[in-house]
Protein backbone atom coordinates (compact mmCIF):
# COMPACT_ATOMS: atom_id res chain seq x y z
CA UNK A 1 0.19 -0.10 0.22
CA UNK A 2 1.58 3.79 -1.19
CA UNK A 3 1.89 5.51 2.03
CA UNK A 4 -0.68 8.90 2.28
CA UNK A 5 1.52 11.91 3.05
CA UNK A 6 -0.70 14.30 4.42
CA UNK A 7 0.22 17.34 1.90
CA UNK A 8 -0.51 15.03 -0.77
CA UNK A 9 -3.77 14.48 0.35
CA UNK A 10 -4.76 18.01 0.80
CA UNK A 11 -2.96 18.12 -2.83
CA UNK A 12 -5.63 15.88 -3.77
CA UNK A 13 -8.41 17.64 -2.06
CA UNK A 14 -7.39 21.22 -3.44
CA UNK A 15 -7.21 19.55 -7.39
CA UNK A 16 -10.67 18.06 -6.96
CA UNK A 17 -12.19 20.18 -5.83
CA UNK A 18 -9.90 23.21 -8.39
CA UNK A 19 -11.97 20.97 -11.19
CA UNK A 20 -15.50 21.29 -8.94
CA UNK A 21 -15.00 25.12 -9.45
CA UNK A 22 -13.89 25.24 -13.30
CA UNK A 23 -17.18 23.17 -13.94
CA UNK A 24 -18.53 27.53 -12.79
CA UNK A 25 -17.49 28.90 -15.26
CA UNK A 26 -18.49 26.67 -17.52
CA UNK A 27 -21.29 25.65 -16.89
CA UNK A 28 -22.48 29.21 -17.14
CA UNK A 29 -20.34 29.97 -20.52
CA UNK A 30 -22.85 27.13 -21.72
CA UNK A 31 -25.32 28.82 -20.93
CA UNK A 32 -24.46 32.45 -22.16
CA UNK A 33 -23.52 30.24 -25.96
CA UNK A 34 -26.63 29.12 -25.39
CA UNK A 35 -28.89 32.17 -25.58
CA UNK A 36 -26.39 34.53 -27.51
CA UNK A 37 -25.05 36.44 -24.08
CA UNK A 38 -21.61 36.46 -25.27
CA UNK A 39 -21.89 39.99 -26.26
CA UNK A 40 -23.71 41.44 -23.51
CA UNK A 41 -21.20 43.84 -22.92
CA UNK A 42 -18.91 45.23 -25.91
CA UNK A 43 -15.74 45.94 -23.80
CA UNK A 44 -13.54 43.69 -21.74
CA UNK A 45 -12.18 43.58 -18.74
CA UNK A 46 -14.90 46.11 -17.22
CA UNK A 47 -18.50 45.72 -18.01
CA UNK A 48 -19.53 48.67 -18.77
CA UNK A 49 -16.92 50.82 -17.65
CA UNK A 50 -17.10 48.96 -14.19
CA UNK A 51 -14.80 47.05 -12.56
CA UNK A 52 -15.02 43.46 -12.69
CA UNK A 53 -16.44 43.65 -8.91
CA UNK A 54 -17.93 47.36 -9.07
CA UNK A 55 -20.21 46.28 -11.50
CA UNK A 56 -24.22 46.52 -9.87
CA UNK A 57 -24.19 42.65 -10.80
CA UNK A 58 -27.23 41.52 -8.95
CA UNK A 59 -29.04 44.66 -9.86
CA UNK A 60 -28.78 43.40 -13.41
CA UNK A 61 -30.84 41.07 -15.50
CA UNK A 62 -30.91 39.17 -18.28
CA UNK A 63 -27.76 38.59 -20.29
CA UNK A 64 -25.74 41.54 -18.43
CA UNK A 65 -26.83 39.02 -15.60
CA UNK A 66 -25.32 35.58 -17.33
CA UNK A 67 -21.86 37.20 -18.77
CA UNK A 68 -21.01 39.10 -16.18
CA UNK A 69 -21.77 36.22 -13.82
CA UNK A 70 -19.63 34.43 -16.49
CA UNK A 71 -16.94 37.04 -16.16
CA UNK A 72 -17.27 36.81 -11.81
CA UNK A 73 -16.50 32.85 -12.15
CA UNK A 74 -14.04 33.04 -13.90
CA UNK A 75 -12.31 35.52 -12.20
CA UNK A 76 -12.87 33.09 -9.58
CA UNK A 77 -11.75 29.75 -11.21
CA UNK A 78 -8.67 32.39 -11.71
CA UNK A 79 -8.04 32.98 -8.19
CA UNK A 80 -8.03 29.22 -7.17
CA UNK A 81 -5.63 28.02 -9.49
CA UNK A 82 -3.03 30.15 -8.62
CA UNK A 83 -3.49 28.28 -4.44
CA UNK A 84 -2.67 25.33 -6.47
CA UNK A 85 0.20 26.79 -7.81
CA UNK A 86 1.17 27.90 -4.60
CA UNK A 87 0.01 24.43 -2.87
CA UNK A 88 2.19 22.87 -5.15
CA UNK A 89 5.12 24.35 -5.11
CA UNK A 90 5.38 23.79 -1.62
CA UNK A 91 3.71 20.46 -1.12
CA UNK A 92 4.69 17.99 -4.36
CA UNK A 93 8.48 17.13 -5.54
CA UNK A 94 7.14 15.23 -8.75
CA UNK A 95 8.06 17.34 -11.23
CA UNK A 96 5.59 15.84 -13.55
CA UNK A 97 2.44 17.29 -11.27
CA UNK A 98 4.19 20.59 -10.65
CA UNK A 99 4.70 20.90 -14.24
CA UNK A 100 0.77 19.60 -15.13
CA UNK A 101 0.33 22.48 -12.76
CA UNK A 102 1.95 25.44 -14.39
CA UNK A 103 0.70 23.95 -17.39
CA UNK A 104 -3.10 24.71 -15.87
CA UNK A 105 -2.49 28.30 -14.89
CA UNK A 106 -1.07 28.89 -18.08
CA UNK A 107 -4.41 27.78 -19.91
CA UNK A 108 -5.73 28.99 -17.03
CA UNK A 109 -4.75 32.50 -17.71
CA UNK A 110 -4.82 32.18 -21.73
CA UNK A 111 -8.02 30.98 -21.37
CA UNK A 112 -8.92 34.33 -19.91
CA UNK A 113 -7.35 36.40 -22.27
CA UNK A 114 -9.23 34.11 -25.17
CA UNK A 115 -12.34 35.25 -23.39
CA UNK A 116 -11.44 39.03 -23.00
CA UNK A 117 -10.12 38.85 -27.43
CA UNK A 118 -13.73 37.57 -27.99
CA UNK A 119 -15.57 40.09 -26.80
CA UNK A 120 -13.30 43.31 -28.33
CA UNK A 121 -13.44 41.50 -31.08
CA UNK A 122 -16.81 40.78 -31.84
CA UNK A 123 -15.96 37.50 -33.41
CA UNK A 124 -17.61 34.18 -32.77
CA UNK A 125 -14.27 31.90 -33.81
CA UNK A 126 -12.74 33.10 -30.83
CA UNK A 127 -15.40 31.90 -29.01
CA UNK A 128 -15.20 28.61 -30.85
CA UNK A 129 -11.87 28.72 -29.64
CA UNK A 130 -12.38 29.55 -26.17
CA UNK A 131 -15.21 26.37 -26.02
CA UNK A 132 -12.60 24.29 -27.32
CA UNK A 133 -9.92 25.53 -25.04
CA UNK A 134 -11.87 25.31 -22.36
CA UNK A 135 -12.76 21.45 -23.03
CA UNK A 136 -8.41 20.37 -22.98
CA UNK A 137 -8.14 22.74 -20.30
CA UNK A 138 -10.69 20.46 -17.65
CA UNK A 139 -9.21 17.29 -18.83
CA UNK A 140 -5.86 18.72 -17.48
CA UNK A 141 -7.30 19.20 -14.14
CA UNK A 142 -9.15 16.32 -14.66
CA UNK A 143 -5.59 14.56 -14.75
CA UNK A 144 -4.06 16.42 -12.22
CA UNK A 145 -6.44 14.98 -10.27
CA UNK A 146 -5.97 11.07 -10.83
CA UNK A 147 -2.48 11.94 -10.65
CA UNK A 148 -2.88 13.47 -6.71
CA UNK A 149 -4.59 10.17 -4.97
CA UNK A 150 -2.92 7.37 -3.78
CA UNK A 151 -4.19 4.95 -6.51
CA UNK A 152 -1.95 6.65 -9.45
CA UNK A 153 0.69 5.87 -7.06
CA UNK A 154 0.37 2.29 -7.95
CA UNK A 155 0.64 2.11 -11.89
CA UNK A 156 -1.44 -0.29 -13.68
CA UNK A 157 -0.83 -4.19 -14.38
CA UNK A 158 -1.76 -5.24 -17.63
CA UNK A 159 -0.09 -9.24 -17.61
CA UNK A 160 -0.06 -9.23 -21.51
CA UNK A 161 1.34 -6.72 -23.80
CA UNK A 162 -0.87 -7.12 -26.74
CA UNK A 163 -4.06 -6.46 -24.84
CA UNK A 164 -2.21 -3.22 -23.18
CA UNK A 165 -1.61 -2.16 -25.99
CA UNK A 166 -5.31 -2.88 -28.32
CA UNK A 167 -6.32 -0.71 -24.69
CA UNK A 168 -3.83 2.00 -26.05
CA UNK A 169 -4.96 2.45 -29.31
CA UNK A 170 -8.68 2.27 -29.01
CA UNK A 171 -8.03 5.37 -26.46
CA UNK A 172 -6.22 7.20 -28.86
CA UNK A 173 -8.84 6.24 -30.95
CA UNK A 174 -11.63 7.30 -28.40
CA UNK A 175 -9.70 10.79 -27.58
CA UNK A 176 -9.97 11.79 -30.74
CA UNK A 177 -13.32 10.98 -32.12
CA UNK A 178 -14.45 12.69 -29.18
CA UNK A 179 -12.27 15.96 -29.85
CA UNK A 180 -14.26 15.40 -33.61
CA UNK A 181 -17.60 15.29 -32.50
CA UNK A 182 -16.60 17.87 -29.60
CA UNK A 183 -15.48 20.55 -32.45
CA UNK A 184 -18.24 19.88 -34.69
CA UNK A 185 -21.17 20.59 -31.70
CA UNK A 186 -19.05 23.80 -31.74
CA UNK A 187 -19.06 24.69 -35.09
CA UNK A 188 -23.28 23.78 -34.44
CA UNK A 189 -23.63 25.41 -31.44
CA UNK A 190 -21.33 28.94 -32.56
CA UNK A 191 -20.49 29.42 -35.91
CA UNK A 192 -24.07 28.29 -37.08
CA UNK A 193 -22.74 25.05 -39.57
CA UNK A 194 -24.49 23.30 -41.71
CA UNK A 195 -21.78 20.34 -42.11
CA UNK A 196 -22.58 20.25 -38.50
CA UNK A 197 -25.78 20.07 -38.35
CA UNK A 198 -25.46 17.03 -40.55
CA UNK A 199 -22.81 15.06 -39.25
CA UNK A 200 -22.87 16.00 -35.46
CA UNK A 201 -26.62 14.23 -35.19
CA UNK A 202 -24.57 11.03 -36.88
CA UNK A 203 -21.51 10.36 -35.40
CA UNK A 204 -22.09 10.06 -32.17
CA UNK A 205 -22.77 6.80 -32.92
CA UNK A 206 -19.47 5.76 -34.29
CA UNK A 207 -18.19 7.51 -31.08
CA UNK A 208 -20.69 5.02 -28.98
CA UNK A 209 -18.92 2.15 -31.01
CA UNK A 210 -15.84 3.53 -30.55
CA UNK A 211 -16.62 3.80 -26.98
CA UNK A 212 -17.88 0.47 -26.71
CA UNK A 213 -14.72 -1.12 -28.53
CA UNK A 214 -12.49 0.35 -25.67
CA UNK A 215 -14.33 -0.20 -22.42
CA UNK A 216 -14.23 -4.22 -24.50
CA UNK A 217 -10.91 -3.84 -24.77
CA UNK A 218 -10.08 -3.11 -21.54
CA UNK A 219 -12.26 -5.63 -19.52
CA UNK A 220 -10.21 -7.67 -21.43
CA UNK A 221 -7.00 -6.46 -19.97
CA UNK A 222 -8.06 -7.71 -16.15
CA UNK A 223 -6.43 -4.81 -14.62
CA UNK A 224 -9.35 -3.84 -12.10
CA UNK A 225 -7.87 0.60 -12.76
CA UNK A 226 -8.23 -0.14 -16.77
CA UNK A 227 -11.59 -1.84 -16.13
CA UNK A 228 -12.97 0.83 -14.16
CA UNK A 229 -12.33 3.20 -16.60
CA UNK A 230 -13.04 2.20 -20.05
CA UNK A 231 -17.09 1.21 -18.11
CA UNK A 232 -16.71 5.40 -17.01
CA UNK A 233 -16.22 6.13 -20.11
CA UNK A 234 -19.07 4.32 -21.71
CA UNK A 235 -21.07 5.00 -19.10
CA UNK A 236 -20.20 8.83 -19.90
CA UNK A 237 -20.16 8.46 -23.53
CA UNK A 238 -24.11 6.78 -23.75
CA UNK A 239 -25.36 9.68 -21.54
CA UNK A 240 -24.42 12.19 -23.70
CA UNK A 241 -25.96 10.14 -26.45
CA UNK A 242 -28.77 9.88 -24.87
CA UNK A 243 -29.11 13.69 -23.56
CA UNK A 244 -28.15 14.63 -27.14
CA UNK A 245 -31.32 13.18 -28.18
CA UNK A 246 -33.04 15.15 -25.86
CA UNK A 247 -31.00 18.42 -27.07
CA UNK A 248 -32.92 17.62 -30.27
CA UNK A 249 -36.20 17.24 -29.21
CA UNK A 250 -35.43 20.45 -27.21
CA UNK A 251 -34.45 23.02 -29.84
CA UNK A 252 -36.01 20.40 -33.34
CA UNK A 253 -39.01 18.90 -32.72
CA UNK A 254 -39.57 15.81 -33.52
CA UNK A 255 -42.90 16.05 -36.33
CA UNK A 256 -43.09 12.27 -36.77
CA UNK A 257 -43.67 12.13 -33.23
CA UNK A 258 -46.17 15.63 -31.98
CA UNK A 259 -43.11 16.59 -30.97
CA UNK A 260 -42.39 20.11 -30.90
CA UNK A 261 -39.73 22.65 -29.74
CA UNK A 262 -40.85 25.39 -27.13
CA UNK A 263 -37.47 27.77 -28.35
CA UNK A 264 -36.06 29.14 -25.41
CA UNK A 265 -37.67 28.04 -23.26
CA UNK A 266 -36.01 27.55 -19.46
CA UNK A 267 -36.01 23.59 -20.42
CA UNK A 268 -34.15 24.29 -23.74
CA UNK A 269 -31.98 25.79 -22.83
CA UNK A 270 -31.27 23.88 -19.28
CA UNK A 271 -31.12 20.61 -21.91
CA UNK A 272 -28.99 22.42 -24.72
CA UNK A 273 -26.39 24.59 -21.80
CA UNK A 274 -26.48 20.83 -19.99
CA UNK A 275 -25.24 18.72 -23.56
CA UNK A 276 -22.48 20.88 -23.80
CA UNK A 277 -20.85 20.43 -20.27
CA UNK A 278 -21.87 16.62 -20.02
CA UNK A 279 -19.68 16.33 -23.22
CA UNK A 280 -16.59 18.26 -21.84
CA UNK A 281 -17.15 15.82 -18.92
CA UNK A 282 -17.40 13.10 -20.98
CA UNK A 283 -13.53 14.36 -23.26
CA UNK A 284 -12.27 15.08 -19.36
CA UNK A 285 -13.12 10.97 -19.06
CA UNK A 286 -11.16 9.88 -22.07
CA UNK A 287 -8.04 11.78 -21.45
CA UNK A 288 -7.29 9.79 -18.14
CA UNK A 289 -8.72 7.22 -19.28
CA UNK A 290 -5.38 6.80 -22.23
CA UNK A 291 -3.83 7.73 -19.78
CA UNK A 292 -3.45 5.29 -17.13
CA UNK A 293 -3.66 2.78 -20.32
CA UNK A 294 -0.56 4.57 -21.93
CA UNK A 295 1.46 3.76 -17.75
CA UNK A 296 0.59 -0.06 -18.43
CA UNK A 297 2.10 -0.26 -21.44
CA UNK A 298 5.43 -2.42 -21.21
CA UNK A 299 8.73 -0.96 -20.36
CA UNK A 300 10.62 -2.53 -23.04
CA UNK A 301 7.85 -1.37 -25.85
CA UNK A 302 7.03 2.15 -24.96
CA UNK A 303 11.06 2.91 -24.06
CA UNK A 304 14.70 2.32 -25.14
CA UNK A 305 15.42 0.54 -21.86
CA UNK A 306 16.74 -3.01 -21.10
CA UNK A 307 13.79 -5.12 -19.90
CA UNK A 308 15.05 -6.51 -16.74
CA UNK A 309 13.92 -2.40 -15.54
CA UNK A 310 11.13 -2.72 -13.92
CA UNK A 311 7.50 -1.12 -14.47
CA UNK A 312 7.87 0.03 -10.53
CA UNK A 313 10.46 2.61 -11.42
CA UNK A 314 8.83 3.44 -14.69
CA UNK A 315 5.67 4.05 -13.22
CA UNK A 316 7.41 6.71 -10.14
CA UNK A 317 9.11 8.33 -13.06
CA UNK A 318 5.67 8.88 -14.74
CA UNK A 319 4.17 9.39 -11.85
């Protein structure tokens, strides 16, 4: 059993808190996109000339209430990430974890600048980039949660080298198709792209098939960590696919079944926004699963080192 260091436990909890807080600007941002409130203010970083904390947010309504709430939530995750970076510098000795925290901090800063540039330039393509980058950033936060856990100190083990490579490549394929589907969704939400409108619903079938294949290969590895990761991935993908059907119902309806969409209804805004957030969480789960599969690859095949080198040593350096 790995030794639990109190400082590492607190860093893990802080990583969890940061990831959960990150869902706040992500969720509000999803609603902002759904109701097209991204240009409620023409200025940034001020809001109608007011400073971030000086703007009378609680007295505002509608689009301005949503957009400024998104900005405040972005400021909050910025402060949380600064605290996380300070804690990692003090408590964490693993270079990989420190590096990841540094990348996350830089990513949060860049994400804020992207959001500001979208407002200043009034450019929907930048809004698309802002949303896509949020998915990668949240995936890194999820990876940090996993890397700071006690379970991460024990690398997953797969006895059969062929099966380890199979599940690894299946994991790559899953992340690729999820990224493609997430981009298609972004093109549809931000730009109203006609091609995305045609492809996005049907490409979900490919995502489900690849997720099912990954889960199957994960089951065959016999590694509890990989098996668990495969089940989480397929659970998220299936939930997202079902939510996608509901999203289509509230957005476009199913006239053949007498289901009529009510535009801009509270139900439509809630389901469409949650579909966006769940897609981001699904990608994060797949990225973490892929890294776990990578750590289970045989040392002699992943690195040009003698086969006598222990897998434990490699796992420790990867941690």
